[in-house]
Amino acid sequence: MPINIPNTLTLMRIMLIPVLVVFFYLPFKNHLVVAAVIFAVAAITDWFDGYLARRLGQMTAFGAFLDPVADKLMVVIALVLLVERHDTLLFTLAACVIIGREMVISALREWMAELGERTSVAVSYIGKVKTGFQMVAITALLAIDPARDENWMLALCYVVLYTAAVLTLWSMFIYLKAAWVIIKDMDNSM
């Protein structure tokens, strides 16, 4: 395993996951704000490790594997924590859409890589926009206690999360459409 700055940041993001969970549940006054800061730091390192890997020429196979795993773990675990706290149908549906899409696209990328077509399902611009909305929504929602903070900020966070869920479906459609051409060609050649 090559140890470099980008890979260290990715590993740090994974190590922050149990810290996030612990602070989310610790019973002190600003525990939710601390949990949100931990998630925000992880979200920033997500962008920063990729930037540094490209900028410093430190891209590795280990980093290419671990970075998306770290991202998905952090988002999925944060959403699971939030579903417990924001236990409504719409919130749970949005979380299910985001988590489900991550599973579908991960499986699709793995399968396409086996076919030698990994670049056909490369990260799209809409996927990056979706990630931005998702990270902002999750960070803000981690800081808010819906039992005490029922206000315009909570409503705004829900709108941002629902927007992320819609963008999630849109980006999944784009990935599946790109893969469909290859799948169809393979089926026609069999």
N, C-alpha and C. Protein backbone atom coordinates (compact mmCIF):
# COMPACT_ATOMS: atom_id res chain seq x y z
N MET A 1 0.85 -1.18 0.00
CA MET A 1 0.00 0.00 0.00
C MET A 1 0.89 1.24 0.00
N PRO A 2 0.81 2.04 -1.07
CA PRO A 2 1.62 3.26 -1.13
C PRO A 2 1.08 4.32 -0.16
N ILE A 3 1.97 4.77 0.72
CA ILE A 3 1.59 5.82 1.65
C ILE A 3 2.01 7.16 1.05
N ASN A 4 1.01 7.97 0.74
CA ASN A 4 1.26 9.32 0.26
C ASN A 4 0.17 10.22 0.85
N ILE A 5 0.23 11.49 0.56
CA ILE A 5 -0.72 12.43 1.17
C ILE A 5 -2.17 12.10 0.77
N PRO A 6 -2.48 11.89 -0.52
CA PRO A 6 -3.88 11.58 -0.87
C PRO A 6 -4.40 10.31 -0.20
N ASN A 7 -3.60 9.25 -0.18
CA ASN A 7 -4.04 8.00 0.45
C ASN A 7 -4.20 8.15 1.96
N THR A 8 -3.33 8.95 2.56
CA THR A 8 -3.44 9.23 4.00
C THR A 8 -4.75 9.96 4.30
N LEU A 9 -5.11 10.93 3.46
CA LEU A 9 -6.37 11.65 3.65
C LEU A 9 -7.57 10.71 3.50
N THR A 10 -7.50 9.80 2.55
CA THR A 10 -8.58 8.84 2.35
C THR A 10 -8.71 7.91 3.56
N LEU A 11 -7.58 7.42 4.05
CA LEU A 11 -7.61 6.57 5.24
C LEU A 11 -8.14 7.34 6.45
N MET A 12 -7.76 8.61 6.55
CA MET A 12 -8.26 9.44 7.65
C MET A 12 -9.78 9.56 7.58
N ARG A 13 -10.31 9.69 6.35
CA ARG A 13 -11.76 9.79 6.16
C ARG A 13 -12.44 8.53 6.69
N ILE A 14 -11.87 7.38 6.43
CA ILE A 14 -12.44 6.12 6.93
C ILE A 14 -12.36 6.06 8.46
N MET A 15 -11.23 6.50 9.02
CA MET A 15 -11.07 6.49 10.47
C MET A 15 -12.01 7.48 11.16
N LEU A 16 -12.47 8.50 10.44
CA LEU A 16 -13.40 9.46 11.03
C LEU A 16 -14.82 8.90 11.17
N ILE A 17 -15.12 7.82 10.48
CA ILE A 17 -16.49 7.27 10.51
C ILE A 17 -16.90 6.86 11.93
N PRO A 18 -16.13 6.04 12.64
CA PRO A 18 -16.57 5.70 14.01
C PRO A 18 -16.57 6.93 14.93
N VAL A 19 -15.69 7.87 14.67
CA VAL A 19 -15.66 9.11 15.46
C VAL A 19 -16.97 9.88 15.25
N LEU A 20 -17.40 9.96 14.00
CA LEU A 20 -18.68 10.60 13.67
C LEU A 20 -19.83 9.94 14.42
N VAL A 21 -19.89 8.61 14.38
CA VAL A 21 -20.97 7.88 15.03
C VAL A 21 -20.97 8.14 16.54
N VAL A 22 -19.79 8.08 17.16
CA VAL A 22 -19.70 8.30 18.60
C VAL A 22 -20.17 9.70 18.97
N PHE A 23 -19.68 10.72 18.26
CA PHE A 23 -20.07 12.08 18.59
C PHE A 23 -21.56 12.34 18.30
N PHE A 24 -22.10 11.66 17.31
CA PHE A 24 -23.53 11.81 17.02
C PHE A 24 -24.38 11.41 18.23
N TYR A 25 -23.92 10.42 18.98
CA TYR A 25 -24.69 9.91 20.11
C TYR A 25 -24.23 10.40 21.49
N LEU A 26 -23.04 10.97 21.59
CA LEU A 26 -22.57 11.43 22.90
C LEU A 26 -23.52 12.48 23.46
N PRO A 27 -23.84 12.37 24.75
CA PRO A 27 -24.82 13.29 25.34
C PRO A 27 -24.18 14.57 25.92
N PHE A 28 -23.71 15.44 25.05
CA PHE A 28 -23.29 16.76 25.53
C PHE A 28 -23.90 17.81 24.62
N LYS A 29 -23.87 19.03 25.05
CA LYS A 29 -24.67 20.09 24.43
C LYS A 29 -24.50 20.22 22.91
N ASN A 30 -23.32 20.30 22.40
CA ASN A 30 -23.12 20.55 20.97
C ASN A 30 -22.63 19.32 20.21
N HIS A 31 -23.03 18.14 20.65
CA HIS A 31 -22.55 16.91 20.01
C HIS A 31 -22.93 16.84 18.53
N LEU A 32 -24.09 17.34 18.15
CA LEU A 32 -24.50 17.28 16.75
C LEU A 32 -23.66 18.23 15.88
N VAL A 33 -23.31 19.36 16.42
CA VAL A 33 -22.45 20.30 15.68
C VAL A 33 -21.08 19.68 15.47
N VAL A 34 -20.55 19.01 16.50
CA VAL A 34 -19.26 18.34 16.37
C VAL A 34 -19.35 17.24 15.32
N ALA A 35 -20.42 16.46 15.33
CA ALA A 35 -20.60 15.41 14.32
C ALA A 35 -20.65 16.03 12.92
N ALA A 36 -21.33 17.16 12.78
CA ALA A 36 -21.40 17.83 11.48
C ALA A 36 -20.02 18.32 11.03
N VAL A 37 -19.24 18.84 11.95
CA VAL A 37 -17.89 19.30 11.62
C VAL A 37 -17.03 18.12 11.17
N ILE A 38 -17.15 17.00 11.86
CA ILE A 38 -16.39 15.80 11.48
C ILE A 38 -16.77 15.38 10.05
N PHE A 39 -18.07 15.37 9.75
CA PHE A 39 -18.50 15.00 8.40
C PHE A 39 -17.99 16.03 7.38
N ALA A 40 -18.05 17.31 7.72
CA ALA A 40 -17.58 18.36 6.81
C ALA A 40 -16.09 18.20 6.52
N VAL A 41 -15.31 17.90 7.54
CA VAL A 41 -13.87 17.68 7.34
C VAL A 41 -13.66 16.50 6.39
N ALA A 42 -14.41 15.44 6.61
CA ALA A 42 -14.31 14.27 5.73
C ALA A 42 -14.71 14.63 4.30
N ALA A 43 -15.76 15.42 4.14
CA ALA A 43 -16.21 15.82 2.80
C ALA A 43 -15.15 16.66 2.10
N ILE A 44 -14.51 17.54 2.85
CA ILE A 44 -13.46 18.38 2.26
C ILE A 44 -12.27 17.52 1.85
N THR A 45 -11.91 16.55 2.69
CA THR A 45 -10.77 15.69 2.32
C THR A 45 -11.10 14.85 1.10
N ASP A 46 -12.39 14.57 0.86
CA ASP A 46 -12.79 13.84 -0.34
C ASP A 46 -12.36 14.61 -1.59
N TRP A 47 -12.64 15.89 -1.60
CA TRP A 47 -12.24 16.70 -2.75
C TRP A 47 -10.72 16.87 -2.77
N PHE A 48 -10.16 17.13 -1.60
CA PHE A 48 -8.75 17.48 -1.50
C PHE A 48 -7.83 16.32 -1.88
N ASP A 49 -8.18 15.09 -1.49
CA ASP A 49 -7.29 13.97 -1.80
C ASP A 49 -7.22 13.71 -3.31
N GLY A 50 -8.35 13.84 -3.99
CA GLY A 50 -8.34 13.68 -5.45
C GLY A 50 -7.54 14.77 -6.14
N TYR A 51 -7.72 16.00 -5.67
CA TYR A 51 -6.98 17.13 -6.22
C TYR A 51 -5.48 16.92 -6.03
N LEU A 52 -5.07 16.56 -4.82
CA LEU A 52 -3.65 16.36 -4.54
C LEU A 52 -3.07 15.19 -5.32
N ALA A 53 -3.84 14.12 -5.46
CA ALA A 53 -3.35 12.96 -6.21
C ALA A 53 -3.02 13.36 -7.65
N ARG A 54 -3.92 14.14 -8.26
CA ARG A 54 -3.67 14.58 -9.63
C ARG A 54 -2.54 15.61 -9.69
N ARG A 55 -2.59 16.58 -8.81
CA ARG A 55 -1.63 17.70 -8.80
C ARG A 55 -0.20 17.24 -8.51
N LEU A 56 -0.06 16.30 -7.55
CA LEU A 56 1.26 15.83 -7.14
C LEU A 56 1.71 14.59 -7.91
N GLY A 57 0.86 14.12 -8.81
CA GLY A 57 1.19 12.91 -9.56
C GLY A 57 1.27 11.70 -8.64
N GLN A 58 0.40 11.65 -7.62
CA GLN A 58 0.43 10.55 -6.65
C GLN A 58 -0.80 9.66 -6.77
N MET A 59 -1.29 9.48 -7.97
CA MET A 59 -2.43 8.61 -8.19
C MET A 59 -1.95 7.16 -8.11
N THR A 60 -2.66 6.35 -7.34
CA THR A 60 -2.29 4.95 -7.16
C THR A 60 -3.52 4.07 -7.35
N ALA A 61 -3.29 2.80 -7.63
CA ALA A 61 -4.40 1.84 -7.75
C ALA A 61 -5.11 1.71 -6.40
N PHE A 62 -4.34 1.71 -5.33
CA PHE A 62 -4.92 1.62 -3.99
C PHE A 62 -5.83 2.82 -3.73
N GLY A 63 -5.39 4.00 -4.07
CA GLY A 63 -6.20 5.22 -3.89
C GLY A 63 -7.44 5.20 -4.76
N ALA A 64 -7.30 4.73 -6.00
CA ALA A 64 -8.44 4.66 -6.91
C ALA A 64 -9.50 3.70 -6.38
N PHE A 65 -9.07 2.65 -5.70
CA PHE A 65 -10.01 1.72 -5.09
C PHE A 65 -10.62 2.30 -3.81
N LEU A 66 -9.75 2.81 -2.92
CA LEU A 66 -10.19 3.20 -1.58
C LEU A 66 -11.00 4.48 -1.55
N ASP A 67 -10.72 5.44 -2.41
CA ASP A 67 -11.41 6.73 -2.36
C ASP A 67 -12.92 6.59 -2.51
N PRO A 68 -13.43 5.90 -3.54
CA PRO A 68 -14.89 5.77 -3.63
C PRO A 68 -15.49 4.94 -2.49
N VAL A 69 -14.73 3.98 -1.96
CA VAL A 69 -15.21 3.19 -0.83
C VAL A 69 -15.38 4.11 0.38
N ALA A 70 -14.39 4.94 0.64
CA ALA A 70 -14.45 5.87 1.78
C ALA A 70 -15.62 6.83 1.63
N ASP A 71 -15.82 7.34 0.42
CA ASP A 71 -16.92 8.28 0.17
C ASP A 71 -18.27 7.63 0.46
N LYS A 72 -18.46 6.44 -0.08
CA LYS A 72 -19.74 5.76 0.07
C LYS A 72 -19.99 5.37 1.53
N LEU A 73 -18.96 4.88 2.21
CA LEU A 73 -19.11 4.53 3.62
C LEU A 73 -19.54 5.74 4.44
N MET A 74 -18.88 6.86 4.23
CA MET A 74 -19.18 8.06 5.01
C MET A 74 -20.61 8.53 4.76
N VAL A 75 -21.02 8.58 3.50
CA VAL A 75 -22.36 9.05 3.16
C VAL A 75 -23.43 8.09 3.67
N VAL A 76 -23.25 6.80 3.44
CA VAL A 76 -24.25 5.82 3.84
C VAL A 76 -24.41 5.80 5.36
N ILE A 77 -23.31 5.80 6.08
CA ILE A 77 -23.40 5.77 7.54
C ILE A 77 -24.03 7.05 8.08
N ALA A 78 -23.69 8.18 7.52
CA ALA A 78 -24.30 9.45 7.95
C ALA A 78 -25.81 9.43 7.67
N LEU A 79 -26.21 8.93 6.50
CA LEU A 79 -27.64 8.86 6.18
C LEU A 79 -28.39 7.91 7.11
N VAL A 80 -27.77 6.80 7.47
CA VAL A 80 -28.41 5.87 8.40
C VAL A 80 -28.62 6.56 9.76
N LEU A 81 -27.62 7.29 10.22
CA LEU A 81 -27.77 8.05 11.47
C LEU A 81 -28.91 9.05 11.36
N LEU A 82 -28.97 9.74 10.23
CA LEU A 82 -29.98 10.79 10.05
C LEU A 82 -31.40 10.23 9.91
N VAL A 83 -31.54 9.06 9.31
CA VAL A 83 -32.87 8.46 9.15
C VAL A 83 -33.48 8.19 10.53
N GLU A 84 -32.66 7.81 11.48
CA GLU A 84 -33.16 7.59 12.84
C GLU A 84 -33.69 8.91 13.43
N ARG A 85 -33.00 9.98 13.18
CA ARG A 85 -33.37 11.26 13.78
C ARG A 85 -34.48 11.97 13.01
N HIS A 86 -34.48 11.84 11.71
CA HIS A 86 -35.48 12.49 10.84
C HIS A 86 -36.38 11.40 10.27
N ASP A 87 -37.19 10.82 11.13
CA ASP A 87 -37.94 9.62 10.76
C ASP A 87 -39.27 9.94 10.08
N THR A 88 -39.16 10.44 8.85
CA THR A 88 -40.35 10.70 8.04
C THR A 88 -40.25 9.91 6.75
N LEU A 89 -41.36 9.71 6.10
CA LEU A 89 -41.40 8.97 4.84
C LEU A 89 -40.53 9.63 3.78
N LEU A 90 -40.68 10.93 3.57
CA LEU A 90 -39.91 11.62 2.53
C LEU A 90 -38.41 11.56 2.79
N PHE A 91 -38.03 11.76 4.04
CA PHE A 91 -36.60 11.71 4.36
C PHE A 91 -36.04 10.32 4.11
N THR A 92 -36.77 9.31 4.58
CA THR A 92 -36.31 7.93 4.40
C THR A 92 -36.25 7.56 2.92
N LEU A 93 -37.22 7.99 2.14
CA LEU A 93 -37.19 7.73 0.69
C LEU A 93 -35.96 8.38 0.03
N ALA A 94 -35.69 9.62 0.41
CA ALA A 94 -34.51 10.31 -0.15
C ALA A 94 -33.24 9.55 0.22
N ALA A 95 -33.12 9.13 1.47
CA ALA A 95 -31.94 8.37 1.90
C ALA A 95 -31.84 7.04 1.16
N CYS A 96 -32.97 6.36 0.98
CA CYS A 96 -32.98 5.09 0.24
C CYS A 96 -32.57 5.28 -1.21
N VAL A 97 -33.03 6.35 -1.85
CA VAL A 97 -32.65 6.65 -3.23
C VAL A 97 -31.14 6.85 -3.32
N ILE A 98 -30.59 7.64 -2.41
CA ILE A 98 -29.15 7.94 -2.44
C ILE A 98 -28.34 6.67 -2.19
N ILE A 99 -28.71 5.91 -1.17
CA ILE A 99 -27.96 4.69 -0.85
C ILE A 99 -28.13 3.65 -1.96
N GLY A 100 -29.34 3.48 -2.46
CA GLY A 100 -29.59 2.53 -3.53
C GLY A 100 -28.81 2.85 -4.79
N ARG A 101 -28.77 4.12 -5.14
CA ARG A 101 -28.02 4.54 -6.33
C ARG A 101 -26.54 4.21 -6.17
N GLU A 102 -26.00 4.45 -4.97
CA GLU A 102 -24.58 4.16 -4.74
C GLU A 102 -24.29 2.68 -4.96
N MET A 103 -25.21 1.82 -4.52
CA MET A 103 -25.02 0.38 -4.71
C MET A 103 -25.10 0.01 -6.19
N VAL A 104 -26.09 0.55 -6.89
CA VAL A 104 -26.27 0.23 -8.31
C VAL A 104 -25.06 0.70 -9.11
N ILE A 105 -24.62 1.93 -8.89
CA ILE A 105 -23.51 2.46 -9.68
C ILE A 105 -22.20 1.77 -9.33
N SER A 106 -22.00 1.41 -8.07
CA SER A 106 -20.78 0.67 -7.70
C SER A 106 -20.75 -0.68 -8.42
N ALA A 107 -21.88 -1.38 -8.41
CA ALA A 107 -21.95 -2.68 -9.10
C ALA A 107 -21.76 -2.50 -10.60
N LEU A 108 -22.37 -1.45 -11.17
CA LEU A 108 -22.24 -1.19 -12.60
C LEU A 108 -20.79 -0.89 -12.97
N ARG A 109 -20.13 -0.06 -12.17
CA ARG A 109 -18.72 0.27 -12.46
C ARG A 109 -17.84 -0.97 -12.38
N GLU A 110 -18.09 -1.81 -11.38
CA GLU A 110 -17.30 -3.03 -11.24
C GLU A 110 -17.50 -3.94 -12.45
N TRP A 111 -18.74 -4.12 -12.84
CA TRP A 111 -19.04 -4.98 -13.98
C TRP A 111 -18.45 -4.41 -15.27
N MET A 112 -18.61 -3.10 -15.47
CA MET A 112 -18.06 -2.48 -16.67
C MET A 112 -16.53 -2.57 -16.69
N ALA A 113 -15.90 -2.48 -15.53
CA ALA A 113 -14.44 -2.63 -15.46
C ALA A 113 -14.03 -4.04 -15.88
N GLU A 114 -14.81 -5.04 -15.48
CA GLU A 114 -14.53 -6.42 -15.90
C GLU A 114 -14.62 -6.56 -17.41
N LEU A 115 -15.49 -5.77 -18.03
CA LEU A 115 -15.65 -5.82 -19.48
C LEU A 115 -14.63 -4.95 -20.20
N GLY A 116 -13.80 -4.23 -19.43
CA GLY A 116 -12.83 -3.31 -20.02
C GLY A 116 -13.46 -2.01 -20.49
N GLU A 117 -14.61 -1.68 -19.94
CA GLU A 117 -15.36 -0.48 -20.35
C GLU A 117 -15.53 0.50 -19.19
N ARG A 118 -14.59 0.52 -18.28
CA ARG A 118 -14.70 1.36 -17.07
C ARG A 118 -14.92 2.83 -17.41
N THR A 119 -14.28 3.32 -18.46
CA THR A 119 -14.40 4.75 -18.80
C THR A 119 -15.79 5.12 -19.29
N SER A 120 -16.60 4.13 -19.69
CA SER A 120 -17.95 4.46 -20.15
C SER A 120 -18.85 4.89 -19.00
N VAL A 121 -18.45 4.56 -17.77
CA VAL A 121 -19.24 4.98 -16.61
C VAL A 121 -18.38 5.82 -15.66
N ALA A 122 -17.56 6.68 -16.24
CA ALA A 122 -16.74 7.58 -15.44
C ALA A 122 -17.64 8.64 -14.80
N VAL A 123 -17.12 9.27 -13.76
CA VAL A 123 -17.88 10.28 -13.03
C VAL A 123 -18.31 11.40 -13.97
N SER A 124 -19.59 11.73 -13.91
CA SER A 124 -20.13 12.78 -14.77
C SER A 124 -20.22 14.09 -14.00
N TYR A 125 -20.43 15.16 -14.74
CA TYR A 125 -20.59 16.48 -14.12
C TYR A 125 -21.79 16.48 -13.18
N ILE A 126 -22.88 15.89 -13.61
CA ILE A 126 -24.09 15.87 -12.78
C ILE A 126 -23.84 15.07 -11.50
N GLY A 127 -22.99 14.06 -11.58
CA GLY A 127 -22.61 13.31 -10.39
C GLY A 127 -21.85 14.16 -9.39
N LYS A 128 -21.02 15.05 -9.90
CA LYS A 128 -20.27 15.96 -9.02
C LYS A 128 -21.20 16.97 -8.37
N VAL A 129 -22.16 17.48 -9.13
CA VAL A 129 -23.14 18.43 -8.58
C VAL A 129 -23.98 17.72 -7.51
N LYS A 130 -24.40 16.50 -7.81
CA LYS A 130 -25.16 15.69 -6.84
C LYS A 130 -24.39 15.54 -5.55
N THR A 131 -23.11 15.24 -5.66
CA THR A 131 -22.27 15.06 -4.48
C THR A 131 -22.19 16.35 -3.67
N GLY A 132 -22.08 17.48 -4.33
CA GLY A 132 -22.04 18.76 -3.63
C GLY A 132 -23.31 19.00 -2.82
N PHE A 133 -24.46 18.81 -3.45
CA PHE A 133 -25.74 18.98 -2.75
C PHE A 133 -25.85 18.00 -1.58
N GLN A 134 -25.44 16.77 -1.83
CA GLN A 134 -25.53 15.72 -0.83
C GLN A 134 -24.67 16.06 0.39
N MET A 135 -23.43 16.49 0.16
CA MET A 135 -22.51 16.79 1.26
C MET A 135 -23.00 17.99 2.08
N VAL A 136 -23.51 19.01 1.39
CA VAL A 136 -24.03 20.19 2.10
C VAL A 136 -25.24 19.79 2.94
N ALA A 137 -26.16 19.05 2.35
CA ALA A 137 -27.38 18.64 3.07
C ALA A 137 -27.04 17.78 4.28
N ILE A 138 -26.20 16.79 4.10
CA ILE A 138 -25.88 15.89 5.20
C ILE A 138 -25.16 16.64 6.32
N THR A 139 -24.21 17.49 5.95
CA THR A 139 -23.49 18.26 6.97
C THR A 139 -24.46 19.10 7.80
N ALA A 140 -25.33 19.84 7.13
CA ALA A 140 -26.27 20.70 7.84
C ALA A 140 -27.26 19.88 8.67
N LEU A 141 -27.74 18.78 8.11
CA LEU A 141 -28.72 17.95 8.83
C LEU A 141 -28.11 17.28 10.06
N LEU A 142 -26.82 16.95 9.99
CA LEU A 142 -26.16 16.38 11.16
C LEU A 142 -26.15 17.37 12.33
N ALA A 143 -26.08 18.65 12.02
CA ALA A 143 -25.98 19.69 13.05
C ALA A 143 -27.32 20.05 13.68
N ILE A 144 -28.41 19.64 13.03
CA ILE A 144 -29.74 20.06 13.46
C ILE A 144 -30.46 18.92 14.19
N ASP A 145 -31.06 19.24 15.31
CA ASP A 145 -31.90 18.29 16.03
C ASP A 145 -33.35 18.62 15.67
N PRO A 146 -34.02 17.78 14.87
CA PRO A 146 -35.38 18.11 14.43
C PRO A 146 -36.38 18.22 15.59
N ALA A 147 -36.06 17.60 16.71
CA ALA A 147 -36.96 17.69 17.87
C ALA A 147 -36.93 19.07 18.51
N ARG A 148 -35.81 19.79 18.32
CA ARG A 148 -35.65 21.11 18.94
C ARG A 148 -35.52 22.25 17.95
N ASP A 149 -35.02 21.96 16.76
CA ASP A 149 -34.68 23.02 15.81
C ASP A 149 -35.66 23.09 14.65
N GLU A 150 -36.93 22.99 14.89
CA GLU A 150 -37.94 23.05 13.82
C GLU A 150 -38.00 24.48 13.30
N ASN A 151 -37.34 24.74 12.18
CA ASN A 151 -37.31 26.10 11.65
C ASN A 151 -37.04 26.10 10.15
N TRP A 152 -36.85 27.28 9.61
CA TRP A 152 -36.62 27.43 8.17
C TRP A 152 -35.33 26.73 7.74
N MET A 153 -34.34 26.64 8.63
CA MET A 153 -33.07 25.99 8.28
C MET A 153 -33.28 24.50 8.03
N LEU A 154 -34.08 23.88 8.86
CA LEU A 154 -34.39 22.46 8.68
C LEU A 154 -35.13 22.24 7.36
N ALA A 155 -36.10 23.09 7.08
CA ALA A 155 -36.85 22.98 5.82
C ALA A 155 -35.91 23.15 4.62
N LEU A 156 -34.99 24.10 4.71
CA LEU A 156 -34.02 24.32 3.63
C LEU A 156 -33.13 23.09 3.45
N CYS A 157 -32.70 22.50 4.55
CA CYS A 157 -31.87 21.29 4.48
C CYS A 157 -32.62 20.15 3.79
N TYR A 158 -33.91 20.02 4.10
CA TYR A 158 -34.71 18.99 3.44
C TYR A 158 -34.78 19.24 1.94
N VAL A 159 -34.97 20.48 1.55
CA VAL A 159 -35.03 20.82 0.12
C VAL A 159 -33.71 20.46 -0.56
N VAL A 160 -32.60 20.77 0.09
CA VAL A 160 -31.28 20.45 -0.49
C VAL A 160 -31.10 18.93 -0.59
N LEU A 161 -31.53 18.20 0.44
CA LEU A 161 -31.42 16.74 0.39
C LEU A 161 -32.31 16.16 -0.70
N TYR A 162 -33.54 16.65 -0.83
CA TYR A 162 -34.44 16.15 -1.88
C TYR A 162 -33.90 16.49 -3.26
N THR A 163 -33.27 17.65 -3.38
CA THR A 163 -32.61 18.01 -4.65
C THR A 163 -31.49 17.03 -4.95
N ALA A 164 -30.71 16.69 -3.92
CA ALA A 164 -29.64 15.70 -4.10
C ALA A 164 -30.22 14.36 -4.53
N ALA A 165 -31.36 13.98 -3.97
CA ALA A 165 -31.99 12.70 -4.34
C ALA A 165 -32.44 12.71 -5.80
N VAL A 166 -33.00 13.83 -6.25
CA VAL A 166 -33.42 13.95 -7.65
C VAL A 166 -32.18 13.90 -8.56
N LEU A 167 -31.13 14.62 -8.20
CA LEU A 167 -29.89 14.59 -8.98
C LEU A 167 -29.27 13.20 -8.97
N THR A 168 -29.46 12.49 -7.87
CA THR A 168 -28.98 11.11 -7.75
C THR A 168 -29.64 10.23 -8.80
N LEU A 169 -30.97 10.34 -8.91
CA LEU A 169 -31.69 9.56 -9.93
C LEU A 169 -31.27 9.96 -11.33
N TRP A 170 -31.11 11.26 -11.56
CA TRP A 170 -30.71 11.75 -12.87
C TRP A 170 -29.32 11.21 -13.24
N SER A 171 -28.37 11.30 -12.30
CA SER A 171 -27.02 10.81 -12.61
C SER A 171 -27.02 9.30 -12.81
N MET A 172 -27.85 8.57 -12.06
CA MET A 172 -27.94 7.13 -12.25
C MET A 172 -28.47 6.81 -13.65
N PHE A 173 -29.46 7.57 -14.09
CA PHE A 173 -30.00 7.38 -15.44
C PHE A 173 -28.90 7.60 -16.49
N ILE A 174 -28.08 8.63 -16.30
CA ILE A 174 -26.99 8.92 -17.25
C ILE A 174 -26.01 7.75 -17.29
N TYR A 175 -25.62 7.23 -16.11
CA TYR A 175 -24.70 6.09 -16.08
C TYR A 175 -25.30 4.85 -16.72
N LEU A 176 -26.56 4.57 -16.40
CA LEU A 176 -27.21 3.38 -16.96
C LEU A 176 -27.40 3.51 -18.47
N LYS A 177 -27.70 4.71 -18.93
CA LYS A 177 -27.86 4.94 -20.37
C LYS A 177 -26.53 4.69 -21.10
N ALA A 178 -25.43 5.17 -20.52
CA ALA A 178 -24.11 4.96 -21.13
C ALA A 178 -23.77 3.47 -21.16
N ALA A 179 -24.10 2.77 -20.08
CA ALA A 179 -23.79 1.34 -20.01
C ALA A 179 -24.72 0.53 -20.90
N TRP A 180 -25.95 0.99 -21.09
CA TRP A 180 -26.93 0.25 -21.86
C TRP A 180 -26.45 -0.01 -23.28
N VAL A 181 -25.78 0.96 -23.87
CA VAL A 181 -25.27 0.80 -25.24
C VAL A 181 -24.32 -0.40 -25.29
N ILE A 182 -23.45 -0.51 -24.33
CA ILE A 182 -22.48 -1.60 -24.29
C ILE A 182 -23.18 -2.92 -24.00
N ILE A 183 -24.12 -2.90 -23.07
CA ILE A 183 -24.86 -4.12 -22.72
C ILE A 183 -25.63 -4.62 -23.93
N LYS A 184 -26.28 -3.70 -24.64
CA LYS A 184 -27.06 -4.07 -25.83
C LYS A 184 -26.15 -4.66 -26.91
N ASP A 185 -25.00 -4.03 -27.13
CA ASP A 185 -24.06 -4.55 -28.13
C ASP A 185 -23.58 -5.96 -27.75
N MET A 186 -23.33 -6.17 -26.46
CA MET A 186 -22.89 -7.49 -26.01
C MET A 186 -23.98 -8.53 -26.22
N ASP A 187 -25.22 -8.16 -25.89
CA ASP A 187 -26.32 -9.10 -26.07
C ASP A 187 -26.53 -9.43 -27.56
N ASN A 188 -26.35 -8.44 -28.43
CA ASN A 188 -26.53 -8.66 -29.88
C ASN A 188 -25.42 -9.55 -30.45
N SER A 189 -24.23 -9.50 -29.81
CA SER A 189 -23.12 -10.30 -30.35
C SER A 189 -23.12 -11.74 -29.80
N MET A 190 -24.02 -12.04 -28.87
CA MET A 190 -24.06 -13.40 -28.29
C MET A 190 -24.93 -14.31 -29.12
